[in-house]
């Protein structure tokens, strides 16, 4: 969706997002792979793993370069007088300010890669986990649909951001999904800038630091019934009604905290909220014939991001919201 809407919606030759999806998955696997040389420095002297990883990285980087060059070339060839800078897509707007900010083509490609690699797979994986958890619990999906459909005016074709602001249960569902299934389970790798002491443990400057938010979200010392999907904990009189994921509560850190908090947090959350709300508003959902709710497998595959092992197959039944 993001690929079509923001990069190449006018170019039929680029409309197939298959290559974009494949590259995103391949990049995620590569960045999330275990590198033994980082933990056993003596192996770095041999350099075998480094050469292998470097070759794989170069191959993926060249594919990204080719794809983004085609996208930029297409947008640069458009009639500039016909570009709507208020309603235009991200690439058009970025190119329009290229000269003003002294951006080179490499800068533009890097920005595109950061925004769309960071916001596409994470958002789609979050939506997949939320839908899977809801489909396992008919009471919850019914409650969410009732909320969404009671707020959106009948006949309205798209759920708006103004509508989203009134949907407390929708936001609780997404928050609970991010607690139980954070798509960045160890966040981005960090580096200690100075010596520090954490709960009696000395962390020297230069140490690579990973924050296991997946484990924190399932810690019984932090949460009641941590293994259960209970959105109600975040609304009304729930035990964690005041907990948010903006970095203020260390028990819920799907986007990190502080100066290094994920810069795409607002874009990512808005994307998931709008997608889930529209899916709940305009469709009733059923499992394929012969598939039981208990058959939905929540097994996770780990990489730079986490996704479900199996694809979620659902049967939509359209309805007017």
Protein backbone atom coordinates (compact mmCIF):
# COMPACT_ATOMS: atom_id res chain seq x y z
CA UNK A 1 0.00 0.00 0.00
CA UNK A 2 2.72 2.48 0.97
CA UNK A 3 4.73 1.52 -2.13
CA UNK A 4 1.84 2.19 -4.49
CA UNK A 5 0.62 5.36 -2.83
CA UNK A 6 3.90 7.08 -2.16
CA UNK A 7 6.34 5.93 -4.80
CA UNK A 8 4.93 4.80 -8.07
CA UNK A 9 1.18 5.10 -8.24
CA UNK A 10 1.23 6.68 -11.70
CA UNK A 11 3.74 4.30 -13.31
CA UNK A 12 2.29 0.96 -14.38
CA UNK A 13 5.77 -0.50 -14.89
CA UNK A 14 6.50 0.00 -11.19
CA UNK A 15 3.07 -0.87 -9.81
CA UNK A 16 4.09 -4.46 -9.03
CA UNK A 17 5.30 -4.27 -5.45
CA UNK A 18 6.65 -7.83 -5.46
CA UNK A 19 10.28 -6.78 -5.88
CA UNK A 20 9.88 -4.17 -3.14
CA UNK A 21 8.41 -6.76 -0.77
CA UNK A 22 11.09 -9.33 -1.58
CA UNK A 23 13.88 -6.80 -1.05
CA UNK A 24 12.37 -5.67 2.25
CA UNK A 25 12.24 -9.24 3.54
CA UNK A 26 15.74 -10.02 2.29
CA UNK A 27 17.15 -6.88 3.90
CA UNK A 28 15.42 -7.70 7.19
CA UNK A 29 16.87 -11.21 7.21
CA UNK A 30 20.35 -9.92 6.41
CA UNK A 31 20.36 -7.18 9.06
CA UNK A 32 18.86 -9.47 11.69
CA UNK A 33 21.25 -12.37 11.12
CA UNK A 34 23.61 -13.48 13.89
CA UNK A 35 27.18 -12.35 13.14
CA UNK A 36 29.66 -14.52 15.04
CA UNK A 37 32.53 -12.11 14.38
CA UNK A 38 30.86 -9.52 16.62
CA UNK A 39 31.02 -11.94 19.56
CA UNK A 40 34.26 -13.77 18.70
CA UNK A 41 36.64 -11.04 17.46
CA UNK A 42 39.40 -13.54 16.59
CA UNK A 43 37.22 -14.81 13.73
CA UNK A 44 37.40 -11.35 12.17
CA UNK A 45 41.08 -11.91 11.44
CA UNK A 46 40.16 -14.73 9.07
CA UNK A 47 37.55 -12.55 7.40
CA UNK A 48 35.58 -15.41 5.82
CA UNK A 49 32.25 -14.40 7.33
CA UNK A 50 32.90 -10.73 6.63
CA UNK A 51 33.54 -11.45 2.95
CA UNK A 52 30.39 -13.56 2.70
CA UNK A 53 28.18 -10.98 4.41
CA UNK A 54 29.74 -8.17 2.39
CA UNK A 55 28.98 -9.99 -0.87
CA UNK A 56 25.36 -10.53 0.17
CA UNK A 57 25.05 -6.91 1.29
CA UNK A 58 26.44 -5.62 -2.01
CA UNK A 59 23.98 -7.73 -3.98
CA UNK A 60 21.00 -6.43 -1.98
CA UNK A 61 22.29 -2.84 -2.06
CA UNK A 62 22.61 -2.95 -5.86
CA UNK A 63 19.03 -4.18 -6.18
CA UNK A 64 17.79 -1.33 -3.99
CA UNK A 65 19.87 1.15 -6.02
CA UNK A 66 18.39 -0.04 -9.30
CA UNK A 67 14.82 0.05 -8.01
CA UNK A 68 15.07 3.50 -6.40
CA UNK A 69 16.86 4.91 -9.46
CA UNK A 70 13.89 3.85 -11.60
CA UNK A 71 11.45 5.47 -9.18
CA UNK A 72 13.40 8.76 -9.04
CA UNK A 73 13.90 8.81 -12.84
CA UNK A 74 10.16 8.39 -13.31
CA UNK A 75 9.30 11.23 -10.95
CA UNK A 76 11.96 13.54 -12.41
CA UNK A 77 10.50 13.01 -15.89
CA UNK A 78 7.06 14.25 -14.82
CA UNK A 79 5.77 17.69 -15.73
CA UNK A 80 6.70 19.78 -12.68
CA UNK A 81 3.82 22.19 -13.27
CA UNK A 82 1.33 19.37 -12.70
CA UNK A 83 2.72 18.27 -9.34
CA UNK A 84 0.42 19.01 -6.41
CA UNK A 85 2.79 19.78 -3.54
CA UNK A 86 -0.02 19.62 -1.00
CA UNK A 87 -1.50 16.34 -2.17
CA UNK A 88 1.55 14.96 -3.97
CA UNK A 89 3.34 11.82 -2.92
CA UNK A 90 6.48 11.63 -0.82
CA UNK A 91 8.93 11.37 -3.72
CA UNK A 92 7.51 14.42 -5.50
CA UNK A 93 7.76 16.51 -2.34
CA UNK A 94 11.28 15.30 -1.61
CA UNK A 95 12.48 16.13 -5.11
CA UNK A 96 10.85 19.57 -4.96
CA UNK A 97 13.06 20.56 -2.00
CA UNK A 98 16.18 18.78 -3.25
CA UNK A 99 17.96 21.92 -4.45
CA UNK A 100 16.87 24.01 -1.46
CA UNK A 101 18.51 21.62 1.01
CA UNK A 102 21.41 20.53 -1.19
CA UNK A 103 20.30 16.91 -1.39
CA UNK A 104 22.14 14.63 -3.79
CA UNK A 105 20.50 11.64 -5.47
CA UNK A 106 22.20 9.39 -2.90
CA UNK A 107 20.64 11.46 -0.10
CA UNK A 108 17.20 11.07 -1.67
CA UNK A 109 17.62 7.31 -2.04
CA UNK A 110 18.82 6.99 1.55
CA UNK A 111 15.80 8.92 2.84
CA UNK A 112 13.42 6.80 0.76
CA UNK A 113 15.02 3.62 2.02
CA UNK A 114 14.88 4.73 5.65
CA UNK A 115 11.25 5.78 5.52
CA UNK A 116 9.79 2.93 3.53
CA UNK A 117 11.90 0.06 4.80
CA UNK A 118 11.29 1.24 8.34
CA UNK A 119 7.55 1.83 7.97
CA UNK A 120 6.30 -0.94 5.67
CA UNK A 121 7.31 -4.32 7.09
CA UNK A 122 6.90 -3.19 10.69
CA UNK A 123 3.40 -1.84 10.05
CA UNK A 124 2.24 -4.87 8.06
CA UNK A 125 3.62 -7.27 10.69
CA UNK A 126 1.88 -5.36 13.49
CA UNK A 127 -1.40 -5.49 11.58
CA UNK A 128 -0.96 -9.22 10.93
CA UNK A 129 -0.37 -9.99 14.61
CA UNK A 130 -3.34 -7.87 15.70
CA UNK A 131 -5.70 -9.49 13.19
CA UNK A 132 -4.50 -12.98 14.11
CA UNK A 133 -5.08 -12.36 17.82
CA UNK A 134 -8.53 -10.90 17.13
CA UNK A 135 -9.57 -13.83 14.93
CA UNK A 136 -8.70 -16.22 17.74
CA UNK A 137 -11.14 -14.34 20.00
CA UNK A 138 -14.55 -13.61 18.42
CA UNK A 139 -15.67 -11.56 21.43
CA UNK A 140 -12.80 -9.11 20.97
CA UNK A 141 -13.20 -8.64 17.23
CA UNK A 142 -16.93 -8.14 17.73
CA UNK A 143 -16.26 -5.51 20.38
CA UNK A 144 -13.80 -3.69 18.12
CA UNK A 145 -16.15 -3.74 15.13
CA UNK A 146 -18.98 -2.41 17.29
CA UNK A 147 -16.83 0.52 18.43
CA UNK A 148 -15.59 1.39 14.93
CA UNK A 149 -19.01 1.13 13.30
CA UNK A 150 -20.71 3.17 16.02
CA UNK A 151 -18.29 6.07 15.46
CA UNK A 152 -17.98 6.16 11.66
CA UNK A 153 -21.02 7.86 10.03
CA UNK A 154 -23.04 5.49 7.87
CA UNK A 155 -22.10 5.78 4.21
CA UNK A 156 -18.64 7.21 4.91
CA UNK A 157 -16.21 5.37 2.64
CA UNK A 158 -12.97 5.88 4.60
CA UNK A 159 -12.34 6.03 8.33
CA UNK A 160 -10.70 9.37 9.09
CA UNK A 161 -8.07 10.38 11.63
CA UNK A 162 -10.74 12.37 13.45
CA UNK A 163 -12.72 9.13 13.84
CA UNK A 164 -9.63 7.28 15.08
CA UNK A 165 -9.21 9.75 17.94
CA UNK A 166 -12.53 8.54 19.38
CA UNK A 167 -11.64 4.83 19.22
CA UNK A 168 -10.15 3.95 22.59
CA UNK A 169 -10.57 0.20 22.15
CA UNK A 170 -8.88 0.23 18.74
CA UNK A 171 -5.83 1.92 20.24
CA UNK A 172 -5.87 -0.56 23.13
CA UNK A 173 -5.88 -3.50 20.70
CA UNK A 174 -2.86 -2.11 18.86
CA UNK A 175 -1.06 -1.35 22.12
CA UNK A 176 -1.67 -4.89 23.39
CA UNK A 177 -0.46 -6.35 20.11
CA UNK A 178 2.77 -4.32 20.37
CA UNK A 179 3.23 -5.49 23.96
CA UNK A 180 2.83 -9.18 23.16
CA UNK A 181 4.36 -9.11 19.68
CA UNK A 182 6.84 -6.21 19.32
CA UNK A 183 8.00 -6.29 15.70
CA UNK A 184 11.45 -5.04 16.72
CA UNK A 185 12.04 -7.44 19.66
CA UNK A 186 15.54 -6.15 20.47
CA UNK A 187 15.04 -2.64 19.09
CA UNK A 188 17.91 -1.23 17.03
CA UNK A 189 21.44 -2.02 18.28
CA UNK A 190 22.79 0.72 20.55
CA UNK A 191 26.29 1.64 21.70
CA UNK A 192 27.19 2.81 25.21
CA UNK A 193 28.72 6.28 24.81
CA UNK A 194 30.28 6.25 28.29
CA UNK A 195 30.83 3.89 31.21
CA UNK A 196 27.59 3.36 33.12
CA UNK A 197 26.19 1.20 35.88
CA UNK A 198 22.85 -0.54 35.38
CA UNK A 199 21.43 -2.24 38.46
CA UNK A 200 24.91 -3.11 39.69
CA UNK A 201 26.25 -4.20 36.31
CA UNK A 202 29.09 -2.16 34.83
CA UNK A 203 28.64 -1.42 31.12
CA UNK A 204 31.89 -0.07 29.63
CA UNK A 205 31.89 2.59 26.93
CA UNK A 206 31.75 1.08 23.46
CA UNK A 207 29.60 -1.89 24.53
CA UNK A 208 26.92 -3.01 22.09
CA UNK A 209 23.57 -2.82 23.92
CA UNK A 210 20.37 -4.65 22.99
CA UNK A 211 17.09 -4.06 24.85
CA UNK A 212 14.91 -7.18 24.97
CA UNK A 213 11.48 -5.55 24.78
CA UNK A 214 9.97 -8.91 23.76
CA UNK A 215 10.90 -10.33 27.18
CA UNK A 216 9.85 -7.17 29.04
CA UNK A 217 6.40 -7.36 27.45
CA UNK A 218 5.95 -10.92 28.76
CA UNK A 219 7.44 -10.39 32.22
CA UNK A 220 5.05 -11.39 35.01
CA UNK A 221 6.75 -8.84 37.28
CA UNK A 222 5.46 -6.10 34.98
CA UNK A 223 2.15 -7.44 33.70
CA UNK A 224 -0.87 -9.38 34.92
CA UNK A 225 -1.44 -12.48 32.77
CA UNK A 226 1.42 -11.49 30.45
CA UNK A 227 0.85 -14.34 28.00
CA UNK A 228 -2.79 -13.42 27.37
CA UNK A 229 -4.08 -10.95 24.77
CA UNK A 230 -6.16 -8.55 26.89
CA UNK A 231 -6.66 -5.08 25.33
CA UNK A 232 -8.92 -4.13 28.25
CA UNK A 233 -5.85 -3.69 30.45
CA UNK A 234 -5.25 -0.36 28.67
CA UNK A 235 -8.74 1.17 28.91
CA UNK A 236 -11.30 2.26 31.51
CA UNK A 237 -10.28 0.82 34.89
CA UNK A 238 -7.64 -1.49 33.45
CA UNK A 239 -4.48 -2.09 35.45
CA UNK A 240 -2.30 -0.36 32.82
CA UNK A 241 -4.63 2.35 31.56
CA UNK A 242 -1.95 5.04 31.98
CA UNK A 243 0.83 3.09 30.22
CA UNK A 244 1.85 4.36 26.78
CA UNK A 245 4.55 3.46 24.25
CA UNK A 246 6.04 6.95 23.88
CA UNK A 247 9.07 6.02 26.02
CA UNK A 248 7.60 7.22 29.33
CA UNK A 249 6.99 3.70 30.67
CA UNK A 250 9.91 1.29 30.56
CA UNK A 251 7.57 -1.72 30.72
CA UNK A 252 6.30 -0.95 27.21
CA UNK A 253 9.02 0.08 24.75
CA UNK A 254 8.12 -1.19 21.25
CA UNK A 255 9.62 1.99 19.75
CA UNK A 256 12.44 2.55 22.23
CA UNK A 257 12.79 5.69 24.35
CA UNK A 258 14.70 8.92 24.73
CA UNK A 259 16.68 10.61 21.97
CA UNK A 260 16.97 7.35 20.04
CA UNK A 261 13.26 6.57 20.00
CA UNK A 262 12.03 5.41 16.61
CA UNK A 263 11.54 8.54 14.44
CA UNK A 264 8.76 6.80 12.51
CA UNK A 265 6.56 6.14 15.55
CA UNK A 266 3.79 8.55 14.51
CA UNK A 267 3.74 7.38 10.88
CA UNK A 268 3.77 3.72 11.91
CA UNK A 269 0.98 4.00 14.48
CA UNK A 270 -1.20 6.14 12.19
CA UNK A 271 -0.77 3.61 9.38
CA UNK A 272 -1.77 0.63 11.54
CA UNK A 273 -4.69 2.49 13.15
CA UNK A 274 -6.16 3.56 9.81
CA UNK A 275 -5.69 0.15 8.19
CA UNK A 276 -7.19 -1.82 11.07
CA UNK A 277 -10.10 0.61 11.53
CA UNK A 278 -11.03 0.47 7.84
CA UNK A 279 -10.78 -3.33 7.78
CA UNK A 280 -13.06 -3.56 10.82
CA UNK A 281 -15.51 -0.99 9.46
CA UNK A 282 -16.06 -2.27 5.94
CA UNK A 283 -15.68 -6.05 6.30
CA UNK A 284 -16.81 -8.98 8.38
CA UNK A 285 -14.09 -11.60 8.65
CA UNK A 286 -14.21 -15.39 8.60
CA UNK A 287 -11.66 -18.18 8.51
CA UNK A 288 -11.40 -20.41 5.42
CA UNK A 289 -13.60 -23.52 5.38
CA UNK A 290 -12.24 -26.20 7.67
CA UNK A 291 -9.95 -23.89 9.65
CA UNK A 292 -10.69 -23.48 13.36
CA UNK A 293 -9.74 -20.50 15.48
CA UNK A 294 -7.47 -22.70 17.57
CA UNK A 295 -5.58 -23.59 14.37
CA UNK A 296 -4.21 -20.05 13.98
CA UNK A 297 -0.50 -20.49 14.69
CA UNK A 298 1.17 -17.58 16.49
CA UNK A 299 4.70 -18.98 16.08
CA UNK A 300 7.12 -16.14 15.41
CA UNK A 301 10.09 -15.91 13.06
CA UNK A 302 12.87 -13.68 14.33
CA UNK A 303 15.09 -11.38 12.28
CA UNK A 304 15.63 -7.65 12.38
CA UNK A 305 11.84 -7.63 12.71
CA UNK A 306 9.48 -10.36 13.91
CA UNK A 307 6.69 -11.81 11.80
CA UNK A 308 4.34 -14.74 12.07
CA UNK A 309 5.63 -18.00 10.62
CA UNK A 310 2.46 -18.69 8.62
CA UNK A 311 0.50 -16.32 6.42
CA UNK A 312 -2.88 -15.28 7.78
CA UNK A 313 -5.66 -16.37 5.42
CA UNK A 314 -9.05 -14.75 6.01
CA UNK A 315 -12.29 -14.50 4.05
CA UNK A 316 -13.69 -10.93 3.92
CA UNK A 317 -17.40 -10.21 3.55
CA UNK A 318 -18.04 -6.67 2.42
CA UNK A 319 -20.55 -4.46 4.22
CA UNK A 320 -21.44 -0.79 4.05
CA UNK A 321 -20.08 1.00 7.10
